[in-house]
PDB file of N, CA and C in Angstrom:
ATOM      1  N   MET A   1       0.844  -1.171   0.000  1.00  0.00           N
ATOM      2  CA  MET A   1       0.000   0.000   0.000  1.00  0.00           C
ATOM      3  C   MET A   1       0.896   1.244   0.000  1.00  0.00           C
ATOM      4  N   PRO A   2       0.674   2.185  -0.923  1.00  0.00           N
ATOM      5  CA  PRO A   2       1.514   3.391  -0.967  1.00  0.00           C
ATOM      6  C   PRO A   2       1.205   4.311   0.211  1.00  0.00           C
ATOM      7  N   ASP A   3       2.222   5.094   0.607  1.00  0.00           N
ATOM      8  CA  ASP A   3       2.032   6.048   1.695  1.00  0.00           C
ATOM      9  C   ASP A   3       1.027   7.117   1.260  1.00  0.00           C
ATOM     10  N   ARG A   4       0.148   7.492   2.183  1.00  0.00           N
ATOM     11  CA  ARG A   4      -0.890   8.489   1.904  1.00  0.00           C
ATOM     12  C   ARG A   4      -0.375   9.879   2.246  1.00  0.00           C
ATOM     13  N   LYS A   5      -0.549  10.841   1.334  1.00  0.00           N
ATOM     14  CA  LYS A   5      -0.129  12.229   1.558  1.00  0.00           C
ATOM     15  C   LYS A   5      -1.048  12.884   2.587  1.00  0.00           C
ATOM     16  N   VAL A   6      -0.444  13.666   3.507  1.00  0.00           N
ATOM     17  CA  VAL A   6      -1.208  14.354   4.551  1.00  0.00           C
ATOM     18  C   VAL A   6      -0.630  15.737   4.784  1.00  0.00           C
ATOM     19  N   LYS A   7      -1.401  16.604   5.395  1.00  0.00           N
ATOM     20  CA  LYS A   7      -0.911  17.874   5.930  1.00  0.00           C
ATOM     21  C   LYS A   7      -0.705  17.641   7.406  1.00  0.00           C
ATOM     22  N   MET A   8       0.408  18.120   7.942  1.00  0.00           N
ATOM     23  CA  MET A   8       0.655  17.946   9.375  1.00  0.00           C
ATOM     24  C   MET A   8       1.190  19.233   9.965  1.00  0.00           C
ATOM     25  N   THR A   9       0.917  19.428  11.248  1.00  0.00           N
ATOM     26  CA  THR A   9       1.358  20.619  11.954  1.00  0.00           C
ATOM     27  C   THR A   9       2.522  20.251  12.860  1.00  0.00           C
ATOM     28  N   LEU A  10       3.647  20.957  12.688  1.00  0.00           N
ATOM     29  CA  LEU A  10       4.827  20.724  13.519  1.00  0.00           C
ATOM     30  C   LEU A  10       4.643  21.394  14.877  1.00  0.00           C
ATOM     31  N   PRO A  11       5.472  21.041  15.879  1.00  0.00           N
ATOM     32  CA  PRO A  11       5.342  21.652  17.210  1.00  0.00           C
ATOM     33  C   PRO A  11       5.423  23.182  17.205  1.00  0.00           C
ATOM     34  N   ASN A  12       6.132  23.762  16.210  1.00  0.00           N
ATOM     35  CA  ASN A  12       6.236  25.227  16.140  1.00  0.00           C
ATOM     36  C   ASN A  12       5.031  25.869  15.450  1.00  0.00           C
ATOM     37  N   GLY A  13       4.030  25.056  15.051  1.00  0.00           N
ATOM     38  CA  GLY A  13       2.824  25.563  14.423  1.00  0.00           C
ATOM     39  C   GLY A  13       2.868  25.580  12.901  1.00  0.00           C
ATOM     40  N   LYS A  14       4.018  25.321  12.317  1.00  0.00           N
ATOM     41  CA  LYS A  14       4.163  25.315  10.863  1.00  0.00           C
ATOM     42  C   LYS A  14       3.424  24.121  10.268  1.00  0.00           C
ATOM     43  N   VAL A  15       2.611  24.353   9.224  1.00  0.00           N
ATOM     44  CA  VAL A  15       1.889  23.288   8.535  1.00  0.00           C
ATOM     45  C   VAL A  15       2.721  22.865   7.326  1.00  0.00           C
ATOM     46  N   VAL A  16       2.993  21.553   7.240  1.00  0.00           N
ATOM     47  CA  VAL A  16       3.852  21.032   6.174  1.00  0.00           C
ATOM     48  C   VAL A  16       3.197  19.813   5.525  1.00  0.00           C
ATOM     49  N   ASP A  17       3.714  19.450   4.357  1.00  0.00           N
ATOM     50  CA  ASP A  17       3.290  18.212   3.709  1.00  0.00           C
ATOM     51  C   ASP A  17       4.007  17.047   4.366  1.00  0.00           C
ATOM     52  N   GLY A  18       3.341  15.907   4.364  1.00  0.00           N
ATOM     53  CA  GLY A  18       3.939  14.708   4.929  1.00  0.00           C
ATOM     54  C   GLY A  18       3.273  13.475   4.354  1.00  0.00           C
ATOM     55  N   VAL A  19       3.675  12.327   4.870  1.00  0.00           N
ATOM     56  CA  VAL A  19       3.079  11.065   4.446  1.00  0.00           C
ATOM     57  C   VAL A  19       2.714  10.240   5.661  1.00  0.00           C
ATOM     58  N   GLU A  20       1.608   9.504   5.554  1.00  0.00           N
ATOM     59  CA  GLU A  20       1.250   8.549   6.592  1.00  0.00           C
ATOM     60  C   GLU A  20       2.014   7.264   6.310  1.00  0.00           C
ATOM     61  N   ILE A  21       2.674   6.743   7.316  1.00  0.00           N
ATOM     62  CA  ILE A  21       3.504   5.557   7.168  1.00  0.00           C
ATOM     63  C   ILE A  21       2.807   4.388   7.852  1.00  0.00           C
ATOM     64  N   ALA A  22       2.677   3.283   7.139  1.00  0.00           N
ATOM     65  CA  ALA A  22       2.069   2.087   7.734  1.00  0.00           C
ATOM     66  C   ALA A  22       3.008   1.509   8.788  1.00  0.00           C
ATOM     67  N   VAL A  23       2.450   1.075   9.904  1.00  0.00           N
ATOM     68  CA  VAL A  23       3.230   0.430  10.960  1.00  0.00           C
ATOM     69  C   VAL A  23       3.464  -1.017  10.557  1.00  0.00           C
ATOM     70  N   ASP A  24       4.728  -1.413  10.458  1.00  0.00           N
ATOM     71  CA  ASP A  24       5.090  -2.766  10.046  1.00  0.00           C
ATOM     72  C   ASP A  24       5.080  -3.720  11.235  1.00  0.00           C
ATOM     73  N   GLU A  25       5.587  -3.241  12.379  1.00  0.00           N
ATOM     74  CA  GLU A  25       5.670  -4.081  13.573  1.00  0.00           C
ATOM     75  C   GLU A  25       5.701  -3.174  14.788  1.00  0.00           C
ATOM     76  N   SER A  26       5.083  -3.621  15.866  1.00  0.00           N
ATOM     77  CA  SER A  26       5.054  -2.817  17.085  1.00  0.00           C
ATOM     78  C   SER A  26       4.966  -3.728  18.299  1.00  0.00           C
ATOM     79  N   THR A  27       5.783  -3.439  19.302  1.00  0.00           N
ATOM     80  CA  THR A  27       5.720  -4.145  20.580  1.00  0.00           C
ATOM     81  C   THR A  27       5.392  -3.103  21.641  1.00  0.00           C
ATOM     82  N   GLU A  28       4.187  -3.175  22.161  1.00  0.00           N
ATOM     83  CA  GLU A  28       3.730  -2.201  23.157  1.00  0.00           C
ATOM     84  C   GLU A  28       3.552  -2.920  24.482  1.00  0.00           C
ATOM     85  N   ARG A  29       4.404  -2.628  25.405  1.00  0.00           N
ATOM     86  CA  ARG A  29       4.403  -3.318  26.695  1.00  0.00           C
ATOM     87  C   ARG A  29       3.558  -2.554  27.724  1.00  0.00           C
ATOM     88  N   TRP A  30       3.004  -3.305  28.653  1.00  0.00           N
ATOM     89  CA  TRP A  30       2.229  -2.730  29.752  1.00  0.00           C
ATOM     90  C   TRP A  30       3.176  -2.221  30.829  1.00  0.00           C
ATOM     91  N   SER A  31       2.820  -1.107  31.452  1.00  0.00           N
ATOM     92  CA  SER A  31       3.504  -0.598  32.639  1.00  0.00           C
ATOM     93  C   SER A  31       2.589  -0.851  33.831  1.00  0.00           C
ATOM     94  N   ASP A  32       3.110  -1.460  34.890  1.00  0.00           N
ATOM     95  CA  ASP A  32       2.344  -1.689  36.117  1.00  0.00           C
ATOM     96  C   ASP A  32       2.591  -0.533  37.073  1.00  0.00           C
ATOM     97  N   ILE A  33       1.509   0.026  37.611  1.00  0.00           N
ATOM     98  CA  ILE A  33       1.615   1.149  38.550  1.00  0.00           C
ATOM     99  C   ILE A  33       0.820   0.804  39.795  1.00  0.00           C
ATOM    100  N   THR A  34       1.449   0.937  40.958  1.00  0.00           N
ATOM    101  CA  THR A  34       0.787   0.720  42.240  1.00  0.00           C
ATOM    102  C   THR A  34       0.793   2.044  42.997  1.00  0.00           C
ATOM    103  N   PHE A  35      -0.391   2.458  43.439  1.00  0.00           N
ATOM    104  CA  PHE A  35      -0.533   3.721  44.168  1.00  0.00           C
ATOM    105  C   PHE A  35      -0.513   3.465  45.672  1.00  0.00           C
ATOM    106  N   LYS A  36      -0.230   4.513  46.431  1.00  0.00           N
ATOM    107  CA  LYS A  36      -0.134   4.398  47.892  1.00  0.00           C
ATOM    108  C   LYS A  36      -1.426   3.920  48.536  1.00  0.00           C
ATOM    109  N   ASP A  37      -2.585   4.179  47.864  1.00  0.00           N
ATOM    110  CA  ASP A  37      -3.859   3.753  48.436  1.00  0.00           C
ATOM    111  C   ASP A  37      -4.184   2.293  48.132  1.00  0.00           C
ATOM    112  N   GLY A  38      -3.259   1.591  47.433  1.00  0.00           N
ATOM    113  CA  GLY A  38      -3.445   0.174  47.169  1.00  0.00           C
ATOM    114  C   GLY A  38      -4.018  -0.159  45.800  1.00  0.00           C
ATOM    115  N   ILE A  39      -4.438   0.854  45.053  1.00  0.00           N
ATOM    116  CA  ILE A  39      -4.946   0.599  43.702  1.00  0.00           C
ATOM    117  C   ILE A  39      -3.763   0.243  42.793  1.00  0.00           C
ATOM    118  N   ARG A  40      -3.999  -0.746  41.937  1.00  0.00           N
ATOM    119  CA  ARG A  40      -2.974  -1.175  40.979  1.00  0.00           C
ATOM    120  C   ARG A  40      -3.577  -1.171  39.576  1.00  0.00           C
ATOM    121  N   ILE A  41      -2.882  -0.505  38.631  1.00  0.00           N
ATOM    122  CA  ILE A  41      -3.357  -0.447  37.255  1.00  0.00           C
ATOM    123  C   ILE A  41      -2.234  -0.834  36.296  1.00  0.00           C
ATOM    124  N   ARG A  42      -2.628  -1.141  35.079  1.00  0.00           N
ATOM    125  CA  ARG A  42      -1.677  -1.347  33.988  1.00  0.00           C
ATOM    126  C   ARG A  42      -2.044  -0.368  32.886  1.00  0.00           C
ATOM    127  N   VAL A  43      -1.030   0.256  32.277  1.00  0.00           N
ATOM    128  CA  VAL A  43      -1.260   1.198  31.185  1.00  0.00           C
ATOM    129  C   VAL A  43      -0.294   0.917  30.043  1.00  0.00           C
ATOM    130  N   LYS A  44      -0.745   1.251  28.830  1.00  0.00           N
ATOM    131  CA  LYS A  44       0.143   1.206  27.669  1.00  0.00           C
ATOM    132  C   LYS A  44      -0.411   2.149  26.617  1.00  0.00           C
ATOM    133  N   MET A  45       0.473   2.581  25.734  1.00  0.00           N
ATOM    134  CA  MET A  45       0.082   3.414  24.607  1.00  0.00           C
ATOM    135  C   MET A  45       0.149   2.561  23.345  1.00  0.00           C
ATOM    136  N   THR A  46      -0.893   2.633  22.538  1.00  0.00           N
ATOM    137  CA  THR A  46      -0.955   1.889  21.294  1.00  0.00           C
ATOM    138  C   THR A  46      -0.835   2.872  20.125  1.00  0.00           C
ATOM    139  N   VAL A  47       0.094   2.609  19.218  1.00  0.00           N
ATOM    140  CA  VAL A  47       0.283   3.467  18.052  1.00  0.00           C
ATOM    141  C   VAL A  47      -0.852   3.218  17.066  1.00  0.00           C
ATOM    142  N   VAL A  48      -1.581   4.286  16.724  1.00  0.00           N
ATOM    143  CA  VAL A  48      -2.692   4.204  15.788  1.00  0.00           C
ATOM    144  C   VAL A  48      -2.221   4.542  14.374  1.00  0.00           C
ATOM    145  N   SER A  49      -1.444   5.628  14.244  1.00  0.00           N
ATOM    146  CA  SER A  49      -0.908   6.021  12.942  1.00  0.00           C
ATOM    147  C   SER A  49       0.360   6.846  13.143  1.00  0.00           C
ATOM    148  N   VAL A  50       1.163   6.923  12.069  1.00  0.00           N
ATOM    149  CA  VAL A  50       2.419   7.679  12.100  1.00  0.00           C
ATOM    150  C   VAL A  50       2.502   8.528  10.841  1.00  0.00           C
ATOM    151  N   HIS A  51       2.903   9.790  11.005  1.00  0.00           N
ATOM    152  CA  HIS A  51       3.114  10.691   9.867  1.00  0.00           C
ATOM    153  C   HIS A  51       4.557  11.189   9.894  1.00  0.00           C
ATOM    154  N   ARG A  52       5.175  11.249   8.717  1.00  0.00           N
ATOM    155  CA  ARG A  52       6.541  11.777   8.584  1.00  0.00           C
ATOM    156  C   ARG A  52       6.481  13.017   7.706  1.00  0.00           C
ATOM    157  N   ALA A  53       7.058  14.112   8.195  1.00  0.00           N
ATOM    158  CA  ALA A  53       7.061  15.378   7.455  1.00  0.00           C
ATOM    159  C   ALA A  53       8.065  15.320   6.309  1.00  0.00           C
ATOM    160  N   ASP A  54       7.672  15.894   5.162  1.00  0.00           N
ATOM    161  CA  ASP A  54       8.578  15.998   4.017  1.00  0.00           C
ATOM    162  C   ASP A  54       9.602  17.100   4.274  1.00  0.00           C
ATOM    163  N   ASP A  55      10.871  16.799   4.117  1.00  0.00           N
ATOM    164  CA  ASP A  55      11.957  17.792   4.170  1.00  0.00           C
ATOM    165  C   ASP A  55      11.997  18.601   5.471  1.00  0.00           C
ATOM    166  N   GLU A  56      11.623  17.994   6.594  1.00  0.00           N
ATOM    167  CA  GLU A  56      11.703  18.632   7.915  1.00  0.00           C
ATOM    168  C   GLU A  56      12.466  17.686   8.834  1.00  0.00           C
ATOM    169  N   TYR A  57      13.458  18.236   9.551  1.00  0.00           N
ATOM    170  CA  TYR A  57      14.338  17.396  10.361  1.00  0.00           C
ATOM    171  C   TYR A  57      14.573  18.028  11.723  1.00  0.00           C
ATOM    172  N   ASP A  58      14.844  17.184  12.738  1.00  0.00           N
ATOM    173  CA  ASP A  58      15.188  17.682  14.072  1.00  0.00           C
ATOM    174  C   ASP A  58      16.673  18.076  14.080  1.00  0.00           C
ATOM    175  N   PRO A  59      17.173  18.633  15.188  1.00  0.00           N
ATOM    176  CA  PRO A  59      18.567  19.076  15.233  1.00  0.00           C
ATOM    177  C   PRO A  59      19.606  17.974  14.977  1.00  0.00           C
ATOM    178  N   GLU A  60      19.230  16.698  15.186  1.00  0.00           N
ATOM    179  CA  GLU A  60      20.160  15.592  14.937  1.00  0.00           C
ATOM    180  C   GLU A  60      20.061  15.069  13.508  1.00  0.00           C
ATOM    181  N   GLY A  61      19.183  15.662  12.690  1.00  0.00           N
ATOM    182  CA  GLY A  61      19.035  15.230  11.306  1.00  0.00           C
ATOM    183  C   GLY A  61      17.993  14.144  11.086  1.00  0.00           C
ATOM    184  N   ASN A  62      17.254  13.796  12.126  1.00  0.00           N
ATOM    185  CA  ASN A  62      16.197  12.784  12.002  1.00  0.00           C
ATOM    186  C   ASN A  62      14.938  13.412  11.410  1.00  0.00           C
ATOM    187  N   PRO A  63      14.184  12.655  10.605  1.00  0.00           N
ATOM    188  CA  PRO A  63      12.950  13.223  10.056  1.00  0.00           C
ATOM    189  C   PRO A  63      11.943  13.519  11.166  1.00  0.00           C
ATOM    190  N   MET A  64      11.215  14.624  10.998  1.00  0.00           N
ATOM    191  CA  MET A  64      10.173  14.980  11.957  1.00  0.00           C
ATOM    192  C   MET A  64       9.004  14.024  11.763  1.00  0.00           C
ATOM    193  N   MET A  65       8.505  13.479  12.871  1.00  0.00           N
ATOM    194  CA  MET A  65       7.418  12.517  12.823  1.00  0.00           C
ATOM    195  C   MET A  65       6.369  12.879  13.864  1.00  0.00           C
ATOM    196  N   ALA A  66       5.133  12.501  13.580  1.00  0.00           N
ATOM    197  CA  ALA A  66       4.043  12.677  14.533  1.00  0.00           C
ATOM    198  C   ALA A  66       3.346  11.342  14.695  1.00  0.00           C
ATOM    199  N   LEU A  67       3.114  10.971  15.930  1.00  0.00           N
ATOM    200  CA  LEU A  67       2.450   9.700  16.219  1.00  0.00           C
ATOM    201  C   LEU A  67       1.078   9.972  16.814  1.00  0.00           C
ATOM    202  N   ASN A  68       0.073   9.273  16.309  1.00  0.00           N
ATOM    203  CA  ASN A  68      -1.259   9.301  16.885  1.00  0.00           C
ATOM    204  C   ASN A  68      -1.342   8.052  17.748  1.00  0.00           C
ATOM    205  N   MET A  69      -1.544   8.248  19.060  1.00  0.00           N
ATOM    206  CA  MET A  69      -1.522   7.122  19.992  1.00  0.00           C
ATOM    207  C   MET A  69      -2.785   7.100  20.836  1.00  0.00           C
ATOM    208  N   ALA A  70      -3.157   5.912  21.289  1.00  0.00           N
ATOM    209  CA  ALA A  70      -4.338   5.747  22.140  1.00  0.00           C
ATOM    210  C   ALA A  70      -3.931   5.043  23.433  1.00  0.00           C
ATOM    211  N   PRO A  71      -4.330   5.595  24.582  1.00  0.00           N
ATOM    212  CA  PRO A  71      -4.005   4.937  25.848  1.00  0.00           C
ATOM    213  C   PRO A  71      -4.942   3.771  26.133  1.00  0.00           C
ATOM    214  N   SER A  72      -4.397   2.748  26.767  1.00  0.00           N
ATOM    215  CA  SER A  72      -5.196   1.626  27.278  1.00  0.00           C
ATOM    216  C   SER A  72      -4.917   1.528  28.773  1.00  0.00           C
ATOM    217  N   VAL A  73      -5.967   1.394  29.567  1.00  0.00           N
ATOM    218  CA  VAL A  73      -5.826   1.303  31.023  1.00  0.00           C
ATOM    219  C   VAL A  73      -6.619   0.092  31.509  1.00  0.00           C
ATOM    220  N   ALA A  74      -5.979  -0.712  32.344  1.00  0.00           N
ATOM    221  CA  ALA A  74      -6.650  -1.867  32.953  1.00  0.00           C
ATOM    222  C   ALA A  74      -6.512  -1.760  34.465  1.00  0.00           C
ATOM    223  N   ILE A  75      -7.648  -1.783  35.171  1.00  0.00           N
ATOM    224  CA  ILE A  75      -7.617  -1.768  36.633  1.00  0.00           C
ATOM    225  C   ILE A  75      -7.382  -3.206  37.085  1.00  0.00           C
ATOM    226  N   ILE A  76      -6.300  -3.413  37.815  1.00  0.00           N
ATOM    227  CA  ILE A  76      -5.893  -4.749  38.229  1.00  0.00           C
ATOM    228  C   ILE A  76      -6.386  -5.083  39.629  1.00  0.00           C
ATOM    229  N   GLU A  77      -6.254  -4.129  40.536  1.00  0.00           N
ATOM    230  CA  GLU A  77      -6.608  -4.400  41.932  1.00  0.00           C
ATOM    231  C   GLU A  77      -7.072  -3.117  42.609  1.00  0.00           C
ATOM    232  N   VAL A  78      -8.155  -3.227  43.375  1.00  0.00           N
ATOM    233  CA  VAL A  78      -8.673  -2.106  44.162  1.00  0.00           C
ATOM    234  C   VAL A  78      -9.039  -2.645  45.536  1.00  0.00           C
ATOM    235  N   PRO A  79      -8.510  -2.034  46.612  1.00  0.00           N
ATOM    236  CA  PRO A  79      -8.885  -2.488  47.951  1.00  0.00           C
ATOM    237  C   PRO A  79     -10.394  -2.381  48.159  1.00  0.00           C
ATOM    238  N   GLU A  80     -10.981  -3.338  48.868  1.00  0.00           N
ATOM    239  CA  GLU A  80     -12.423  -3.356  49.130  1.00  0.00           C
ATOM    240  C   GLU A  80     -12.881  -2.046  49.767  1.00  0.00           C
ATOM    241  N   SER A  81     -12.026  -1.435  50.608  1.00  0.00           N
ATOM    242  CA  SER A  81     -12.406  -0.208  51.315  1.00  0.00           C
ATOM    243  C   SER A  81     -12.616   0.981  50.358  1.00  0.00           C
ATOM    244  N   LEU A  82     -12.109   0.896  49.129  1.00  0.00           N
ATOM    245  CA  LEU A  82     -12.256   1.972  48.164  1.00  0.00           C
ATOM    246  C   LEU A  82     -13.374   1.719  47.150  1.00  0.00           C
ATOM    247  N   LYS A  83     -13.929   0.532  47.155  1.00  0.00           N
ATOM    248  CA  LYS A  83     -14.985   0.193  46.208  1.00  0.00           C
ATOM    249  C   LYS A  83     -16.336   0.733  46.692  1.00  0.00           C
ATOM    250  N   LYS A  84     -17.202   1.070  45.751  1.00  0.00           N
ATOM    251  CA  LYS A  84     -18.563   1.510  46.063  1.00  0.00           C
ATOM    252  C   LYS A  84     -19.330   0.315  46.628  1.00  0.00           C
ATOM    253  N   LYS A  85     -20.033   0.561  47.698  1.00  0.00           N
ATOM    254  CA  LYS A  85     -20.822  -0.496  48.324  1.00  0.00           C
ATOM    255  C   LYS A  85     -22.025  -0.820  47.455  1.00  0.00           C
ATOM    256  N   LYS A  86     -22.318  -2.092  47.286  1.00  0.00           N
ATOM    257  CA  LYS A  86     -23.468  -2.522  46.483  1.00  0.00           C
ATOM    258  C   LYS A  86     -24.744  -2.336  47.283  1.00  0.00           C
ATOM    259  N   ALA A  87     -25.779  -1.876  46.573  1.00  0.00           N
ATOM    260  CA  ALA A  87     -27.081  -1.715  47.227  1.00  0.00           C
ATOM    261  C   ALA A  87     -27.685  -3.098  47.483  1.00  0.00           C
ATOM    262  N   SER A  88     -28.310  -3.245  48.642  1.00  0.00           N
ATOM    263  CA  SER A  88     -28.909  -4.557  48.942  1.00  0.00           C
ATOM    264  C   SER A  88     -30.397  -4.501  48.944  1.00  0.00           C
TER     265      SER A  88
END
């Protein structure tokens, strides 16, 4: 599938031409977070799409890219004392 042409806005506000790049492979790992109140969650970011700007580069010479990402959150553990009481 050929790359799709897009308009993209750089961090400095400049609008430039770019291309949407298909993701070939991605490994997105979960991060486990435990809070002081005993709640434990897992989070990860999933790459939805990637755009590369035409003829725009960062100070190291790398092409400017923009990633569209979606967060995923899973509640793993919640102490009973923090849960809403069920109506009886």
